Amino acid sequence: MGLPAYRIQKALNKWKVELLADDLYRFTDLDDPDLKLILDSFGIKIPVKLFHKTDLKSQIKDINMGI
């Protein structure tokens, strides 16, 4: 199933990395069905967890290498 461009844009625009206390980060909106469909279609798996800055950089690098 495909998504119209406006839904892809909407899903990607609200997908962010949020800074929490103690230098911990998390990806937001991973439960959005459109974002999940987009990530799944590219084989991108992002665990729902808190990341330290170094882990976050590694996760982003892995995403960039996969596309």
PDB file of N, CA and C in Angstrom:
ATOM      1  N   MET A   1       0.839  -1.179   0.000  1.00  0.00           N
ATOM      2  CA  MET A   1       0.000   0.000   0.000  1.00  0.00           C
ATOM      3  C   MET A   1       0.884   1.242   0.000  1.00  0.00           C
ATOM      4  N   GLY A   2       0.588   2.191  -0.864  1.00  0.00           N
ATOM      5  CA  GLY A   2       1.356   3.424  -0.925  1.00  0.00           C
ATOM      6  C   GLY A   2       0.711   4.523  -0.095  1.00  0.00           C
ATOM      7  N   LEU A   3       1.480   5.552   0.139  1.00  0.00           N
ATOM      8  CA  LEU A   3       0.974   6.713   0.866  1.00  0.00           C
ATOM      9  C   LEU A   3       1.044   7.933  -0.039  1.00  0.00           C
ATOM     10  N   PRO A   4       0.021   8.798   0.034  1.00  0.00           N
ATOM     11  CA  PRO A   4       0.115  10.046  -0.705  1.00  0.00           C
ATOM     12  C   PRO A   4       1.245  10.909  -0.138  1.00  0.00           C
ATOM     13  N   ALA A   5       1.794  11.754  -0.978  1.00  0.00           N
ATOM     14  CA  ALA A   5       2.943  12.586  -0.591  1.00  0.00           C
ATOM     15  C   ALA A   5       2.663  13.425   0.649  1.00  0.00           C
ATOM     16  N   TYR A   6       1.456  13.960   0.770  1.00  0.00           N
ATOM     17  CA  TYR A   6       1.166  14.815   1.927  1.00  0.00           C
ATOM     18  C   TYR A   6       1.233  14.031   3.233  1.00  0.00           C
ATOM     19  N   ARG A   7       0.859  12.740   3.218  1.00  0.00           N
ATOM     20  CA  ARG A   7       0.940  11.916   4.442  1.00  0.00           C
ATOM     21  C   ARG A   7       2.386  11.554   4.757  1.00  0.00           C
ATOM     22  N   ILE A   8       3.187  11.307   3.736  1.00  0.00           N
ATOM     23  CA  ILE A   8       4.615  11.042   3.957  1.00  0.00           C
ATOM     24  C   ILE A   8       5.259  12.274   4.581  1.00  0.00           C
ATOM     25  N   GLN A   9       4.990  13.431   4.003  1.00  0.00           N
ATOM     26  CA  GLN A   9       5.555  14.681   4.520  1.00  0.00           C
ATOM     27  C   GLN A   9       5.112  14.922   5.962  1.00  0.00           C
ATOM     28  N   LYS A  10       3.846  14.721   6.247  1.00  0.00           N
ATOM     29  CA  LYS A  10       3.320  14.932   7.602  1.00  0.00           C
ATOM     30  C   LYS A  10       4.001  13.999   8.605  1.00  0.00           C
ATOM     31  N   ALA A  11       4.143  12.730   8.244  1.00  0.00           N
ATOM     32  CA  ALA A  11       4.762  11.753   9.151  1.00  0.00           C
ATOM     33  C   ALA A  11       6.229  12.092   9.400  1.00  0.00           C
ATOM     34  N   LEU A  12       6.953  12.433   8.339  1.00  0.00           N
ATOM     35  CA  LEU A  12       8.382  12.735   8.500  1.00  0.00           C
ATOM     36  C   LEU A  12       8.613  14.053   9.225  1.00  0.00           C
ATOM     37  N   ASN A  13       7.722  15.023   9.038  1.00  0.00           N
ATOM     38  CA  ASN A  13       7.878  16.314   9.722  1.00  0.00           C
ATOM     39  C   ASN A  13       7.687  16.215  11.231  1.00  0.00           C
ATOM     40  N   LYS A  14       6.849  15.311  11.682  1.00  0.00           N
ATOM     41  CA  LYS A  14       6.653  15.227  13.133  1.00  0.00           C
ATOM     42  C   LYS A  14       7.609  14.243  13.808  1.00  0.00           C
ATOM     43  N   TRP A  15       8.407  13.523  13.027  1.00  0.00           N
ATOM     44  CA  TRP A  15       9.380  12.580  13.578  1.00  0.00           C
ATOM     45  C   TRP A  15      10.607  13.353  14.028  1.00  0.00           C
ATOM     46  N   LYS A  16      10.875  13.352  15.306  1.00  0.00           N
ATOM     47  CA  LYS A  16      11.966  14.137  15.881  1.00  0.00           C
ATOM     48  C   LYS A  16      12.731  13.314  16.913  1.00  0.00           C
ATOM     49  N   VAL A  17      13.840  13.871  17.339  1.00  0.00           N
ATOM     50  CA  VAL A  17      14.593  13.342  18.467  1.00  0.00           C
ATOM     51  C   VAL A  17      14.436  14.352  19.593  1.00  0.00           C
ATOM     52  N   GLU A  18      14.027  13.863  20.742  1.00  0.00           N
ATOM     53  CA  GLU A  18      13.727  14.723  21.888  1.00  0.00           C
ATOM     54  C   GLU A  18      14.801  14.546  22.956  1.00  0.00           C
ATOM     55  N   LEU A  19      15.300  15.660  23.480  1.00  0.00           N
ATOM     56  CA  LEU A  19      16.273  15.638  24.575  1.00  0.00           C
ATOM     57  C   LEU A  19      15.519  15.575  25.896  1.00  0.00           C
ATOM     58  N   LEU A  20      15.866  14.602  26.707  1.00  0.00           N
ATOM     59  CA  LEU A  20      15.269  14.435  28.025  1.00  0.00           C
ATOM     60  C   LEU A  20      16.318  14.763  29.090  1.00  0.00           C
ATOM     61  N   ALA A  21      15.993  14.528  30.324  1.00  0.00           N
ATOM     62  CA  ALA A  21      16.926  14.786  31.422  1.00  0.00           C
ATOM     63  C   ALA A  21      18.133  13.853  31.343  1.00  0.00           C
ATOM     64  N   ASP A  22      19.208  14.255  31.976  1.00  0.00           N
ATOM     65  CA  ASP A  22      20.428  13.450  32.088  1.00  0.00           C
ATOM     66  C   ASP A  22      21.045  13.082  30.736  1.00  0.00           C
ATOM     67  N   ASP A  23      20.925  13.979  29.771  1.00  0.00           N
ATOM     68  CA  ASP A  23      21.518  13.763  28.444  1.00  0.00           C
ATOM     69  C   ASP A  23      21.012  12.497  27.758  1.00  0.00           C
ATOM     70  N   LEU A  24      19.755  12.189  27.949  1.00  0.00           N
ATOM     71  CA  LEU A  24      19.134  11.051  27.285  1.00  0.00           C
ATOM     72  C   LEU A  24      18.224  11.561  26.178  1.00  0.00           C
ATOM     73  N   TYR A  25      18.143  10.796  25.108  1.00  0.00           N
ATOM     74  CA  TYR A  25      17.362  11.181  23.941  1.00  0.00           C
ATOM     75  C   TYR A  25      16.411  10.056  23.572  1.00  0.00           C
ATOM     76  N   ARG A  26      15.329  10.431  22.859  1.00  0.00           N
ATOM     77  CA  ARG A  26      14.424   9.414  22.326  1.00  0.00           C
ATOM     78  C   ARG A  26      13.832   9.912  21.011  1.00  0.00           C
ATOM     79  N   PHE A  27      13.544   8.968  20.133  1.00  0.00           N
ATOM     80  CA  PHE A  27      12.842   9.279  18.898  1.00  0.00           C
ATOM     81  C   PHE A  27      11.359   9.414  19.230  1.00  0.00           C
ATOM     82  N   THR A  28      10.697  10.400  18.637  1.00  0.00           N
ATOM     83  CA  THR A  28       9.275  10.601  18.911  1.00  0.00           C
ATOM     84  C   THR A  28       8.431  10.033  17.775  1.00  0.00           C
ATOM     85  N   ASP A  29       7.187   9.787  18.093  1.00  0.00           N
ATOM     86  CA  ASP A  29       6.170   9.376  17.130  1.00  0.00           C
ATOM     87  C   ASP A  29       6.463   8.064  16.402  1.00  0.00           C
ATOM     88  N   LEU A  30       7.219   7.174  17.033  1.00  0.00           N
ATOM     89  CA  LEU A  30       7.475   5.872  16.407  1.00  0.00           C
ATOM     90  C   LEU A  30       6.206   5.030  16.312  1.00  0.00           C
ATOM     91  N   ASP A  31       5.160   5.426  17.042  1.00  0.00           N
ATOM     92  CA  ASP A  31       3.904   4.680  16.998  1.00  0.00           C
ATOM     93  C   ASP A  31       2.949   5.200  15.919  1.00  0.00           C
ATOM     94  N   ASP A  32       3.357   6.243  15.190  1.00  0.00           N
ATOM     95  CA  ASP A  32       2.533   6.769  14.107  1.00  0.00           C
ATOM     96  C   ASP A  32       2.453   5.723  12.985  1.00  0.00           C
ATOM     97  N   PRO A  33       1.253   5.329  12.561  1.00  0.00           N
ATOM     98  CA  PRO A  33       1.131   4.260  11.566  1.00  0.00           C
ATOM     99  C   PRO A  33       1.792   4.608  10.221  1.00  0.00           C
ATOM    100  N   ASP A  34       1.690   5.849   9.801  1.00  0.00           N
ATOM    101  CA  ASP A  34       2.324   6.237   8.533  1.00  0.00           C
ATOM    102  C   ASP A  34       3.841   6.199   8.644  1.00  0.00           C
ATOM    103  N   LEU A  35       4.370   6.707   9.753  1.00  0.00           N
ATOM    104  CA  LEU A  35       5.825   6.670   9.954  1.00  0.00           C
ATOM    105  C   LEU A  35       6.308   5.229  10.028  1.00  0.00           C
ATOM    106  N   LYS A  36       5.559   4.379  10.721  1.00  0.00           N
ATOM    107  CA  LYS A  36       5.932   2.964  10.805  1.00  0.00           C
ATOM    108  C   LYS A  36       5.982   2.335   9.419  1.00  0.00           C
ATOM    109  N   LEU A  37       5.006   2.640   8.588  1.00  0.00           N
ATOM    110  CA  LEU A  37       4.973   2.101   7.230  1.00  0.00           C
ATOM    111  C   LEU A  37       6.191   2.569   6.424  1.00  0.00           C
ATOM    112  N   ILE A  38       6.549   3.839   6.575  1.00  0.00           N
ATOM    113  CA  ILE A  38       7.712   4.394   5.872  1.00  0.00           C
ATOM    114  C   ILE A  38       8.992   3.710   6.342  1.00  0.00           C
ATOM    115  N   LEU A  39       9.186   3.641   7.653  1.00  0.00           N
ATOM    116  CA  LEU A  39      10.402   3.025   8.195  1.00  0.00           C
ATOM    117  C   LEU A  39      10.488   1.551   7.799  1.00  0.00           C
ATOM    118  N   ASP A  40       9.377   0.847   7.914  1.00  0.00           N
ATOM    119  CA  ASP A  40       9.360  -0.576   7.542  1.00  0.00           C
ATOM    120  C   ASP A  40       9.708  -0.770   6.064  1.00  0.00           C
ATOM    121  N   SER A  41       9.233   0.133   5.217  1.00  0.00           N
ATOM    122  CA  SER A  41       9.490  -0.026   3.789  1.00  0.00           C
ATOM    123  C   SER A  41      10.970   0.133   3.447  1.00  0.00           C
ATOM    124  N   PHE A  42      11.711   0.852   4.299  1.00  0.00           N
ATOM    125  CA  PHE A  42      13.147   0.999   4.098  1.00  0.00           C
ATOM    126  C   PHE A  42      13.956   0.042   4.978  1.00  0.00           C
ATOM    127  N   GLY A  43      13.262  -0.811   5.732  1.00  0.00           N
ATOM    128  CA  GLY A  43      13.943  -1.764   6.596  1.00  0.00           C
ATOM    129  C   GLY A  43      14.623  -1.110   7.786  1.00  0.00           C
ATOM    130  N   ILE A  44      14.094   0.034   8.213  1.00  0.00           N
ATOM    131  CA  ILE A  44      14.686   0.767   9.339  1.00  0.00           C
ATOM    132  C   ILE A  44      13.986   0.340  10.618  1.00  0.00           C
ATOM    133  N   LYS A  45      14.757  -0.180  11.545  1.00  0.00           N
ATOM    134  CA  LYS A  45      14.234  -0.601  12.847  1.00  0.00           C
ATOM    135  C   LYS A  45      14.832   0.308  13.921  1.00  0.00           C
ATOM    136  N   ILE A  46      13.986   1.019  14.613  1.00  0.00           N
ATOM    137  CA  ILE A  46      14.442   1.889  15.698  1.00  0.00           C
ATOM    138  C   ILE A  46      13.799   1.394  16.984  1.00  0.00           C
ATOM    139  N   PRO A  47      14.615   0.936  17.918  1.00  0.00           N
ATOM    140  CA  PRO A  47      14.045   0.454  19.174  1.00  0.00           C
ATOM    141  C   PRO A  47      13.434   1.600  19.974  1.00  0.00           C
ATOM    142  N   VAL A  48      12.343   1.291  20.639  1.00  0.00           N
ATOM    143  CA  VAL A  48      11.707   2.274  21.519  1.00  0.00           C
ATOM    144  C   VAL A  48      12.449   2.219  22.842  1.00  0.00           C
ATOM    145  N   LYS A  49      13.402   3.133  22.990  1.00  0.00           N
ATOM    146  CA  LYS A  49      14.222   3.175  24.196  1.00  0.00           C
ATOM    147  C   LYS A  49      14.861   4.546  24.299  1.00  0.00           C
ATOM    148  N   LEU A  50      15.558   4.775  25.379  1.00  0.00           N
ATOM    149  CA  LEU A  50      16.306   6.015  25.559  1.00  0.00           C
ATOM    150  C   LEU A  50      17.730   5.801  25.072  1.00  0.00           C
ATOM    151  N   PHE A  51      18.280   6.804  24.423  1.00  0.00           N
ATOM    152  CA  PHE A  51      19.622   6.731  23.867  1.00  0.00           C
ATOM    153  C   PHE A  51      20.528   7.754  24.537  1.00  0.00           C
ATOM    154  N   HIS A  52      21.785   7.377  24.748  1.00  0.00           N
ATOM    155  CA  HIS A  52      22.814   8.352  25.085  1.00  0.00           C
ATOM    156  C   HIS A  52      23.268   8.976  23.779  1.00  0.00           C
ATOM    157  N   LYS A  53      23.918  10.122  23.844  1.00  0.00           N
ATOM    158  CA  LYS A  53      24.296  10.843  22.633  1.00  0.00           C
ATOM    159  C   LYS A  53      25.130   9.976  21.678  1.00  0.00           C
ATOM    160  N   THR A  54      26.080   9.222  22.213  1.00  0.00           N
ATOM    161  CA  THR A  54      26.919   8.385  21.350  1.00  0.00           C
ATOM    162  C   THR A  54      26.094   7.269  20.698  1.00  0.00           C
ATOM    163  N   ASP A  55      25.153   6.686  21.448  1.00  0.00           N
ATOM    164  CA  ASP A  55      24.280   5.656  20.883  1.00  0.00           C
ATOM    165  C   ASP A  55      23.379   6.240  19.807  1.00  0.00           C
ATOM    166  N   LEU A  56      22.917   7.463  20.040  1.00  0.00           N
ATOM    167  CA  LEU A  56      22.048   8.129  19.085  1.00  0.00           C
ATOM    168  C   LEU A  56      22.781   8.382  17.774  1.00  0.00           C
ATOM    169  N   LYS A  57      24.002   8.861  17.872  1.00  0.00           N
ATOM    170  CA  LYS A  57      24.797   9.106  16.668  1.00  0.00           C
ATOM    171  C   LYS A  57      25.006   7.807  15.894  1.00  0.00           C
ATOM    172  N   SER A  58      25.266   6.732  16.595  1.00  0.00           N
ATOM    173  CA  SER A  58      25.451   5.435  15.957  1.00  0.00           C
ATOM    174  C   SER A  58      24.162   4.983  15.271  1.00  0.00           C
ATOM    175  N   GLN A  59      23.034   5.167  15.939  1.00  0.00           N
ATOM    176  CA  GLN A  59      21.741   4.771  15.375  1.00  0.00           C
ATOM    177  C   GLN A  59      21.452   5.578  14.108  1.00  0.00           C
ATOM    178  N   ILE A  60      21.716   6.869  14.132  1.00  0.00           N
ATOM    179  CA  ILE A  60      21.486   7.719  12.961  1.00  0.00           C
ATOM    180  C   ILE A  60      22.420   7.335  11.832  1.00  0.00           C
ATOM    181  N   LYS A  61      23.666   7.035  12.162  1.00  0.00           N
ATOM    182  CA  LYS A  61      24.621   6.616  11.134  1.00  0.00           C
ATOM    183  C   LYS A  61      24.145   5.316  10.481  1.00  0.00           C
ATOM    184  N   ASP A  62      23.650   4.381  11.278  1.00  0.00           N
ATOM    185  CA  ASP A  62      23.137   3.124  10.734  1.00  0.00           C
ATOM    186  C   ASP A  62      21.948   3.361   9.811  1.00  0.00           C
ATOM    187  N   ILE A  63      21.099   4.319  10.149  1.00  0.00           N
ATOM    188  CA  ILE A  63      19.951   4.659   9.301  1.00  0.00           C
ATOM    189  C   ILE A  63      20.447   5.223   7.979  1.00  0.00           C
ATOM    190  N   ASN A  64      21.401   6.150   8.029  1.00  0.00           N
ATOM    191  CA  ASN A  64      21.930   6.765   6.811  1.00  0.00           C
ATOM    192  C   ASN A  64      22.596   5.738   5.913  1.00  0.00           C
ATOM    193  N   MET A  65      23.269   4.762   6.492  1.00  0.00           N
ATOM    194  CA  MET A  65      23.950   3.740   5.706  1.00  0.00           C
ATOM    195  C   MET A  65      22.940   2.805   5.042  1.00  0.00           C
ATOM    196  N   GLY A  66      21.771   2.660   5.658  1.00  0.00           N
ATOM    197  CA  GLY A  66      20.774   1.740   5.137  1.00  0.00           C
ATOM    198  C   GLY A  66      19.968   2.290   3.973  1.00  0.00           C
ATOM    199  N   ILE A  67      20.045   3.577   3.756  1.00  0.00           N
ATOM    200  CA  ILE A  67      19.230   4.188   2.687  1.00  0.00           C
ATOM    201  C   ILE A  67      20.063   4.478   1.482  1.00  0.00           C
TER     202      ILE A  67
END
